[in-house]
Amino acid sequence: MEQAKRAYDAVTQKERRDQLIVEHLSLVRHLVGKLAAELPPGVDLENLESAGVLGLVEAAHRFDPERGAQFKTYAYTRIRGAVLDELRRNCPLPQHMLQQMARVRQAYEELMPPVTTQALAAATGLSEAEIADCLAAIRMTRLISWDEHGEPIGTRLDDPQRPDLLAEKEEQKRLLVEALNALEERERLIVTLYYLEDLRLKEIGEVLRLSESRISRLLNSALFHLGEYMRVHGG
């Protein structure tokens, strides 16, 4: 009788884990889709999604509902960690991108604040699209790095200090509103849709009738300009 009960409990537990995994696969796609905006071109999103699914499976196996936490919250941390681990293992930055990043960093240090993407383009000879890609790459290296050497570009908006999290800090709300209002209208709209409305790049692209890559570059430029405003005005 006891053996039969253990077998029944094992089957029930497996069914519960499988249900959690199936019900939260969309969480993996959403997280990777959102993270894509902070990554430079060339990142294999399918690999990241596969890593996220493995994180979800691990979360389902380790989750203890008796601890009172919601599974979605618990799983989000595991999924994100698995995706970032995959990025660390396979940092996808080619040599030419690393060289461009070095040029952008040097120009950033030499320009008077507040620095704009247009000023960086003029100082480096890169296009504004290339500048936006470099900013995404710089943010990604900060995101996946265990080291804290130097001040990264747009550090005030590097994870975890994103606009949605900054808004949770009472003393910074006013400054963040000012920074958002200082953005060009299209950049402000993209930041609002991405962080406040929780839309993914594809969805924002459908609203604005622009490609995902164009939306990504505009978002990265907007984040940089927000970071510069916060830096100059003491946020």
C-alpha atoms as a PDB file:
ATOM      1  CA  MET A   1       0.000   0.000   0.000  1.00  0.00           C
ATOM      2  CA  GLU A   2       2.788   2.402   0.956  1.00  0.00           C
ATOM      3  CA  GLN A   3       4.668   1.620  -2.260  1.00  0.00           C
ATOM      4  CA  ALA A   4       1.551   2.298  -4.335  1.00  0.00           C
ATOM      5  CA  LYS A   5       1.070   5.638  -2.564  1.00  0.00           C
ATOM      6  CA  ARG A   6       4.662   6.662  -3.282  1.00  0.00           C
ATOM      7  CA  ALA A   7       4.203   5.729  -6.929  1.00  0.00           C
ATOM      8  CA  TYR A   8       0.972   7.732  -7.102  1.00  0.00           C
ATOM      9  CA  ASP A   9       2.625  10.754  -5.465  1.00  0.00           C
ATOM     10  CA  ALA A  10       5.526  10.564  -7.911  1.00  0.00           C
ATOM     11  CA  VAL A  11       3.180  10.493 -10.908  1.00  0.00           C
ATOM     12  CA  THR A  12       1.112  13.365  -9.503  1.00  0.00           C
ATOM     13  CA  GLN A  13       4.221  15.426  -8.846  1.00  0.00           C
ATOM     14  CA  LYS A  14       5.495  14.819 -12.390  1.00  0.00           C
ATOM     15  CA  GLU A  15       2.151  15.846 -13.867  1.00  0.00           C
ATOM     16  CA  ARG A  16       2.202  19.020 -11.777  1.00  0.00           C
ATOM     17  CA  ARG A  17       5.730  19.868 -12.967  1.00  0.00           C
ATOM     18  CA  ASP A  18       4.822  19.186 -16.588  1.00  0.00           C
ATOM     19  CA  GLN A  19       1.774  21.432 -16.255  1.00  0.00           C
ATOM     20  CA  LEU A  20       3.887  24.248 -14.819  1.00  0.00           C
ATOM     21  CA  ILE A  21       6.328  23.956 -17.717  1.00  0.00           C
ATOM     22  CA  VAL A  22       3.634  23.982 -20.405  1.00  0.00           C
ATOM     23  CA  GLU A  23       1.739  26.846 -18.802  1.00  0.00           C
ATOM     24  CA  HIS A  24       4.841  29.035 -18.552  1.00  0.00           C
ATOM     25  CA  LEU A  25       6.552  28.461 -21.910  1.00  0.00           C
ATOM     26  CA  SER A  26       5.193  31.842 -22.978  1.00  0.00           C
ATOM     27  CA  LEU A  27       7.179  33.395 -20.105  1.00  0.00           C
ATOM     28  CA  VAL A  28      10.397  32.172 -21.734  1.00  0.00           C
ATOM     29  CA  ARG A  29       9.444  33.626 -25.109  1.00  0.00           C
ATOM     30  CA  HIS A  30       8.415  36.902 -23.517  1.00  0.00           C
ATOM     31  CA  LEU A  31      11.607  37.242 -21.480  1.00  0.00           C
ATOM     32  CA  VAL A  32      13.873  36.477 -24.448  1.00  0.00           C
ATOM     33  CA  GLY A  33      11.811  38.750 -26.673  1.00  0.00           C
ATOM     34  CA  LYS A  34      12.207  41.599 -24.207  1.00  0.00           C
ATOM     35  CA  LEU A  35      15.902  40.936 -23.677  1.00  0.00           C
ATOM     36  CA  ALA A  36      16.468  41.019 -27.444  1.00  0.00           C
ATOM     37  CA  ALA A  37      16.093  44.796 -27.386  1.00  0.00           C
ATOM     38  CA  GLU A  38      19.167  45.063 -25.164  1.00  0.00           C
ATOM     39  CA  LEU A  39      21.343  42.872 -27.392  1.00  0.00           C
ATOM     40  CA  PRO A  40      23.385  43.714 -30.498  1.00  0.00           C
ATOM     41  CA  PRO A  41      22.620  42.155 -33.904  1.00  0.00           C
ATOM     42  CA  GLY A  42      23.794  38.598 -34.489  1.00  0.00           C
ATOM     43  CA  VAL A  43      22.749  37.063 -31.186  1.00  0.00           C
ATOM     44  CA  ASP A  44      21.156  33.631 -31.678  1.00  0.00           C
ATOM     45  CA  LEU A  45      17.796  34.123 -29.976  1.00  0.00           C
ATOM     46  CA  GLU A  46      16.789  30.487 -30.548  1.00  0.00           C
ATOM     47  CA  ASN A  47      19.742  29.345 -28.417  1.00  0.00           C
ATOM     48  CA  LEU A  48      18.735  31.813 -25.726  1.00  0.00           C
ATOM     49  CA  GLU A  49      15.165  30.538 -25.816  1.00  0.00           C
ATOM     50  CA  SER A  50      16.382  26.931 -25.522  1.00  0.00           C
ATOM     51  CA  ALA A  51      18.481  27.923 -22.507  1.00  0.00           C
ATOM     52  CA  GLY A  52      15.451  29.659 -21.039  1.00  0.00           C
ATOM     53  CA  VAL A  53      13.351  26.519 -21.421  1.00  0.00           C
ATOM     54  CA  LEU A  54      15.996  24.546 -19.531  1.00  0.00           C
ATOM     55  CA  GLY A  55      15.831  27.190 -16.807  1.00  0.00           C
ATOM     56  CA  LEU A  56      12.063  26.771 -16.702  1.00  0.00           C
ATOM     57  CA  VAL A  57      12.367  22.989 -16.404  1.00  0.00           C
ATOM     58  CA  GLU A  58      14.836  23.390 -13.538  1.00  0.00           C
ATOM     59  CA  ALA A  59      12.485  25.850 -11.845  1.00  0.00           C
ATOM     60  CA  ALA A  60       9.585  23.410 -12.122  1.00  0.00           C
ATOM     61  CA  HIS A  61      11.659  20.643 -10.531  1.00  0.00           C
ATOM     62  CA  ARG A  62      12.924  22.811  -7.685  1.00  0.00           C
ATOM     63  CA  PHE A  63       9.757  24.782  -6.948  1.00  0.00           C
ATOM     64  CA  ASP A  64       8.244  24.265  -3.502  1.00  0.00           C
ATOM     65  CA  PRO A  65       4.709  25.745  -3.345  1.00  0.00           C
ATOM     66  CA  GLU A  66       4.702  25.448   0.440  1.00  0.00           C
ATOM     67  CA  ARG A  67       7.187  28.338   0.680  1.00  0.00           C
ATOM     68  CA  GLY A  68       4.472  30.753  -0.405  1.00  0.00           C
ATOM     69  CA  ALA A  69       6.173  32.164  -3.509  1.00  0.00           C
ATOM     70  CA  GLN A  70       4.415  32.374  -6.845  1.00  0.00           C
ATOM     71  CA  PHE A  71       5.871  30.055  -9.468  1.00  0.00           C
ATOM     72  CA  LYS A  72       5.995  32.780 -12.116  1.00  0.00           C
ATOM     73  CA  THR A  73       8.193  34.951  -9.908  1.00  0.00           C
ATOM     74  CA  TYR A  74      10.415  32.011  -8.950  1.00  0.00           C
ATOM     75  CA  ALA A  75      10.705  30.796 -12.543  1.00  0.00           C
ATOM     76  CA  TYR A  76      11.493  34.260 -13.953  1.00  0.00           C
ATOM     77  CA  THR A  77      14.720  34.416 -11.941  1.00  0.00           C
ATOM     78  CA  ARG A  78      15.769  30.915 -13.011  1.00  0.00           C
ATOM     79  CA  ILE A  79      14.936  31.541 -16.672  1.00  0.00           C
ATOM     80  CA  ARG A  80      16.752  34.864 -16.784  1.00  0.00           C
ATOM     81  CA  GLY A  81      19.781  33.337 -15.083  1.00  0.00           C
ATOM     82  CA  ALA A  82      19.910  30.495 -17.612  1.00  0.00           C
ATOM     83  CA  VAL A  83      19.673  32.936 -20.525  1.00  0.00           C
ATOM     84  CA  LEU A  84      22.446  35.141 -19.143  1.00  0.00           C
ATOM     85  CA  ASP A  85      24.630  32.070 -18.544  1.00  0.00           C
ATOM     86  CA  GLU A  86      24.173  31.177 -22.211  1.00  0.00           C
ATOM     87  CA  LEU A  87      25.221  34.694 -23.212  1.00  0.00           C
ATOM     88  CA  ARG A  88      28.324  34.423 -21.022  1.00  0.00           C
ATOM     89  CA  ARG A  89      29.301  31.131 -22.624  1.00  0.00           C
ATOM     90  CA  ASN A  90      28.778  32.374 -26.162  1.00  0.00           C
ATOM     91  CA  CYS A  91      29.495  36.109 -26.220  1.00  0.00           C
ATOM     92  CA  PRO A  92      28.657  36.869 -29.864  1.00  0.00           C
ATOM     93  CA  LEU A  93      30.710  40.030 -30.436  1.00  0.00           C
ATOM     94  CA  PRO A  94      32.920  39.910 -33.569  1.00  0.00           C
ATOM     95  CA  GLN A  95      36.254  41.696 -33.732  1.00  0.00           C
ATOM     96  CA  HIS A  96      34.953  44.630 -35.763  1.00  0.00           C
ATOM     97  CA  MET A  97      32.262  45.251 -33.136  1.00  0.00           C
ATOM     98  CA  LEU A  98      34.856  45.260 -30.351  1.00  0.00           C
ATOM     99  CA  GLN A  99      36.895  47.802 -32.310  1.00  0.00           C
ATOM    100  CA  GLN A 100      33.849  50.007 -32.834  1.00  0.00           C
ATOM    101  CA  MET A 101      32.989  49.787 -29.137  1.00  0.00           C
ATOM    102  CA  ALA A 102      36.501  50.988 -28.267  1.00  0.00           C
ATOM    103  CA  ARG A 103      36.095  53.974 -30.601  1.00  0.00           C
ATOM    104  CA  VAL A 104      32.730  54.824 -29.061  1.00  0.00           C
ATOM    105  CA  ARG A 105      34.099  54.600 -25.527  1.00  0.00           C
ATOM    106  CA  GLN A 106      37.017  56.869 -26.385  1.00  0.00           C
ATOM    107  CA  ALA A 107      34.765  59.425 -28.067  1.00  0.00           C
ATOM    108  CA  TYR A 108      32.370  59.321 -25.127  1.00  0.00           C
ATOM    109  CA  GLU A 109      35.181  60.157 -22.708  1.00  0.00           C
ATOM    110  CA  GLU A 110      36.325  63.099 -24.839  1.00  0.00           C
ATOM    111  CA  LEU A 111      32.940  64.686 -25.579  1.00  0.00           C
ATOM    112  CA  MET A 112      31.314  67.247 -23.302  1.00  0.00           C
ATOM    113  CA  PRO A 113      28.117  66.016 -21.613  1.00  0.00           C
ATOM    114  CA  PRO A 114      25.344  65.551 -22.366  1.00  0.00           C
ATOM    115  CA  VAL A 115      26.581  63.315 -25.165  1.00  0.00           C
ATOM    116  CA  THR A 116      24.196  62.415 -27.990  1.00  0.00           C
ATOM    117  CA  THR A 117      24.262  59.538 -30.460  1.00  0.00           C
ATOM    118  CA  GLN A 118      24.638  62.141 -33.214  1.00  0.00           C
ATOM    119  CA  ALA A 119      27.754  63.538 -31.522  1.00  0.00           C
ATOM    120  CA  LEU A 120      29.182  60.026 -31.113  1.00  0.00           C
ATOM    121  CA  ALA A 121      28.540  59.323 -34.800  1.00  0.00           C
ATOM    122  CA  ALA A 122      30.295  62.527 -35.835  1.00  0.00           C
ATOM    123  CA  ALA A 123      33.267  61.859 -33.527  1.00  0.00           C
ATOM    124  CA  THR A 124      33.775  58.236 -34.572  1.00  0.00           C
ATOM    125  CA  GLY A 125      32.777  58.288 -38.229  1.00  0.00           C
ATOM    126  CA  LEU A 126      30.232  55.551 -37.564  1.00  0.00           C
ATOM    127  CA  SER A 127      26.596  55.734 -38.605  1.00  0.00           C
ATOM    128  CA  GLU A 128      23.914  56.321 -35.989  1.00  0.00           C
ATOM    129  CA  ALA A 129      22.728  52.745 -36.582  1.00  0.00           C
ATOM    130  CA  GLU A 130      26.246  51.463 -35.798  1.00  0.00           C
ATOM    131  CA  ILE A 131      26.359  53.666 -32.696  1.00  0.00           C
ATOM    132  CA  ALA A 132      23.052  52.169 -31.492  1.00  0.00           C
ATOM    133  CA  ASP A 133      24.405  48.649 -32.059  1.00  0.00           C
ATOM    134  CA  CYS A 134      27.562  49.517 -30.106  1.00  0.00           C
ATOM    135  CA  LEU A 135      25.504  50.874 -27.229  1.00  0.00           C
ATOM    136  CA  ALA A 136      23.535  47.609 -27.153  1.00  0.00           C
ATOM    137  CA  ALA A 137      26.792  45.617 -27.157  1.00  0.00           C
ATOM    138  CA  ILE A 138      28.217  47.737 -24.330  1.00  0.00           C
ATOM    139  CA  ARG A 139      25.051  47.250 -22.306  1.00  0.00           C
ATOM    140  CA  MET A 140      25.170  43.514 -22.973  1.00  0.00           C
ATOM    141  CA  THR A 141      28.775  43.162 -21.831  1.00  0.00           C
ATOM    142  CA  ARG A 142      27.847  45.003 -18.640  1.00  0.00           C
ATOM    143  CA  LEU A 143      24.802  42.791 -18.216  1.00  0.00           C
ATOM    144  CA  ILE A 144      26.718  39.517 -18.440  1.00  0.00           C
ATOM    145  CA  SER A 145      29.981  40.605 -16.821  1.00  0.00           C
ATOM    146  CA  TRP A 146      30.939  39.675 -13.286  1.00  0.00           C
ATOM    147  CA  ASP A 147      33.477  42.503 -13.193  1.00  0.00           C
ATOM    148  CA  GLU A 148      32.907  46.159 -12.327  1.00  0.00           C
ATOM    149  CA  HIS A 149      35.872  47.800 -14.057  1.00  0.00           C
ATOM    150  CA  GLY A 150      35.273  51.378 -15.142  1.00  0.00           C
ATOM    151  CA  GLU A 151      32.106  53.336 -15.816  1.00  0.00           C
ATOM    152  CA  PRO A 152      30.090  51.909 -18.704  1.00  0.00           C
ATOM    153  CA  ILE A 153      28.259  54.166 -21.126  1.00  0.00           C
ATOM    154  CA  GLY A 154      24.709  54.764 -19.981  1.00  0.00           C
ATOM    155  CA  THR A 155      25.484  53.161 -16.639  1.00  0.00           C
ATOM    156  CA  ARG A 156      22.378  54.650 -15.024  1.00  0.00           C
ATOM    157  CA  LEU A 157      20.250  52.626 -17.397  1.00  0.00           C
ATOM    158  CA  ASP A 158      22.227  49.411 -17.293  1.00  0.00           C
ATOM    159  CA  ASP A 159      20.450  46.529 -15.627  1.00  0.00           C
ATOM    160  CA  PRO A 160      19.086  46.723 -12.979  1.00  0.00           C
ATOM    161  CA  GLN A 161      18.588  50.509 -13.256  1.00  0.00           C
ATOM    162  CA  ARG A 162      16.147  50.446 -16.156  1.00  0.00           C
ATOM    163  CA  PRO A 163      13.441  53.115 -16.506  1.00  0.00           C
ATOM    164  CA  ASP A 164      10.749  50.850 -15.088  1.00  0.00           C
ATOM    165  CA  LEU A 165      12.869  50.178 -12.004  1.00  0.00           C
ATOM    166  CA  LEU A 166      14.017  53.758 -11.628  1.00  0.00           C
ATOM    167  CA  ALA A 167      10.378  54.789 -11.462  1.00  0.00           C
ATOM    168  CA  GLU A 168       9.989  52.687  -8.322  1.00  0.00           C
ATOM    169  CA  LYS A 169      12.393  54.998  -6.472  1.00  0.00           C
ATOM    170  CA  GLU A 170      10.428  57.990  -5.255  1.00  0.00           C
ATOM    171  CA  GLU A 171      13.307  60.464  -5.331  1.00  0.00           C
ATOM    172  CA  GLN A 172      14.045  59.735  -8.997  1.00  0.00           C
ATOM    173  CA  LYS A 173      10.528  59.825 -10.407  1.00  0.00           C
ATOM    174  CA  ARG A 174      10.522  63.544 -11.148  1.00  0.00           C
ATOM    175  CA  LEU A 175      13.889  63.439 -12.876  1.00  0.00           C
ATOM    176  CA  LEU A 176      12.899  60.411 -14.912  1.00  0.00           C
ATOM    177  CA  VAL A 177       9.723  62.161 -16.092  1.00  0.00           C
ATOM    178  CA  GLU A 178      11.822  65.163 -17.119  1.00  0.00           C
ATOM    179  CA  ALA A 179      14.248  62.890 -18.972  1.00  0.00           C
ATOM    180  CA  LEU A 180      11.416  61.144 -20.798  1.00  0.00           C
ATOM    181  CA  ASN A 181       9.872  64.467 -21.794  1.00  0.00           C
ATOM    182  CA  ALA A 182      13.239  65.594 -23.149  1.00  0.00           C
ATOM    183  CA  LEU A 183      13.348  62.688 -25.612  1.00  0.00           C
ATOM    184  CA  GLU A 184      12.240  63.031 -29.197  1.00  0.00           C
ATOM    185  CA  GLU A 185       8.603  62.029 -29.554  1.00  0.00           C
ATOM    186  CA  ARG A 186       9.273  58.711 -31.295  1.00  0.00           C
ATOM    187  CA  GLU A 187      11.956  57.681 -28.801  1.00  0.00           C
ATOM    188  CA  ARG A 188       9.652  58.581 -25.905  1.00  0.00           C
ATOM    189  CA  LEU A 189       6.837  56.512 -27.393  1.00  0.00           C
ATOM    190  CA  ILE A 190       9.082  53.463 -27.875  1.00  0.00           C
ATOM    191  CA  VAL A 191      10.393  53.623 -24.292  1.00  0.00           C
ATOM    192  CA  THR A 192       6.825  53.940 -23.004  1.00  0.00           C
ATOM    193  CA  LEU A 193       5.550  51.000 -25.047  1.00  0.00           C
ATOM    194  CA  TYR A 194       8.534  48.829 -24.132  1.00  0.00           C
ATOM    195  CA  TYR A 195       8.787  49.476 -20.393  1.00  0.00           C
ATOM    196  CA  LEU A 196       5.357  50.682 -19.307  1.00  0.00           C
ATOM    197  CA  GLU A 197       3.111  48.778 -21.723  1.00  0.00           C
ATOM    198  CA  ASP A 198       5.440  45.722 -21.690  1.00  0.00           C
ATOM    199  CA  LEU A 199       5.346  45.298 -25.482  1.00  0.00           C
ATOM    200  CA  ARG A 200       8.039  43.388 -27.337  1.00  0.00           C
ATOM    201  CA  LEU A 201      10.022  44.781 -30.274  1.00  0.00           C
ATOM    202  CA  LYS A 202       7.851  43.031 -32.854  1.00  0.00           C
ATOM    203  CA  GLU A 203       4.680  44.424 -31.312  1.00  0.00           C
ATOM    204  CA  ILE A 204       6.085  47.952 -31.175  1.00  0.00           C
ATOM    205  CA  GLY A 205       7.206  47.592 -34.774  1.00  0.00           C
ATOM    206  CA  GLU A 206       3.682  46.685 -35.796  1.00  0.00           C
ATOM    207  CA  VAL A 207       2.341  49.784 -34.031  1.00  0.00           C
ATOM    208  CA  LEU A 208       4.881  52.143 -35.611  1.00  0.00           C
ATOM    209  CA  ARG A 209       5.224  50.230 -38.899  1.00  0.00           C
ATOM    210  CA  LEU A 210       8.956  49.819 -38.471  1.00  0.00           C
ATOM    211  CA  SER A 211      11.221  46.756 -38.482  1.00  0.00           C
ATOM    212  CA  GLU A 212      12.298  45.096 -35.239  1.00  0.00           C
ATOM    213  CA  SER A 213      15.921  46.077 -35.900  1.00  0.00           C
ATOM    214  CA  ARG A 214      14.929  49.718 -36.363  1.00  0.00           C
ATOM    215  CA  ILE A 215      12.891  49.678 -33.149  1.00  0.00           C
ATOM    216  CA  SER A 216      15.809  48.086 -31.287  1.00  0.00           C
ATOM    217  CA  ARG A 217      18.218  50.787 -32.440  1.00  0.00           C
ATOM    218  CA  LEU A 218      15.795  53.582 -31.586  1.00  0.00           C
ATOM    219  CA  LEU A 219      15.255  52.058 -28.145  1.00  0.00           C
ATOM    220  CA  ASN A 220      18.982  51.789 -27.485  1.00  0.00           C
ATOM    221  CA  SER A 221      19.482  55.400 -28.554  1.00  0.00           C
ATOM    222  CA  ALA A 222      16.610  56.463 -26.297  1.00  0.00           C
ATOM    223  CA  LEU A 223      18.087  54.582 -23.323  1.00  0.00           C
ATOM    224  CA  PHE A 224      21.431  56.244 -23.919  1.00  0.00           C
ATOM    225  CA  HIS A 225      19.857  59.706 -24.076  1.00  0.00           C
ATOM    226  CA  LEU A 226      17.898  58.996 -20.902  1.00  0.00           C
ATOM    227  CA  GLY A 227      21.083  57.887 -19.173  1.00  0.00           C
ATOM    228  CA  GLU A 228      22.862  61.068 -20.256  1.00  0.00           C
ATOM    229  CA  TYR A 229      20.055  63.261 -18.979  1.00  0.00           C
ATOM    230  CA  MET A 230      20.118  61.478 -15.622  1.00  0.00           C
ATOM    231  CA  ARG A 231      23.910  61.749 -15.479  1.00  0.00           C
ATOM    232  CA  VAL A 232      24.012  65.477 -16.237  1.00  0.00           C
ATOM    233  CA  HIS A 233      21.108  66.430 -14.005  1.00  0.00           C
ATOM    234  CA  GLY A 234      22.282  64.402 -11.021  1.00  0.00           C
ATOM    235  CA  GLY A 235      19.701  61.596 -10.988  1.00  0.00           C
END
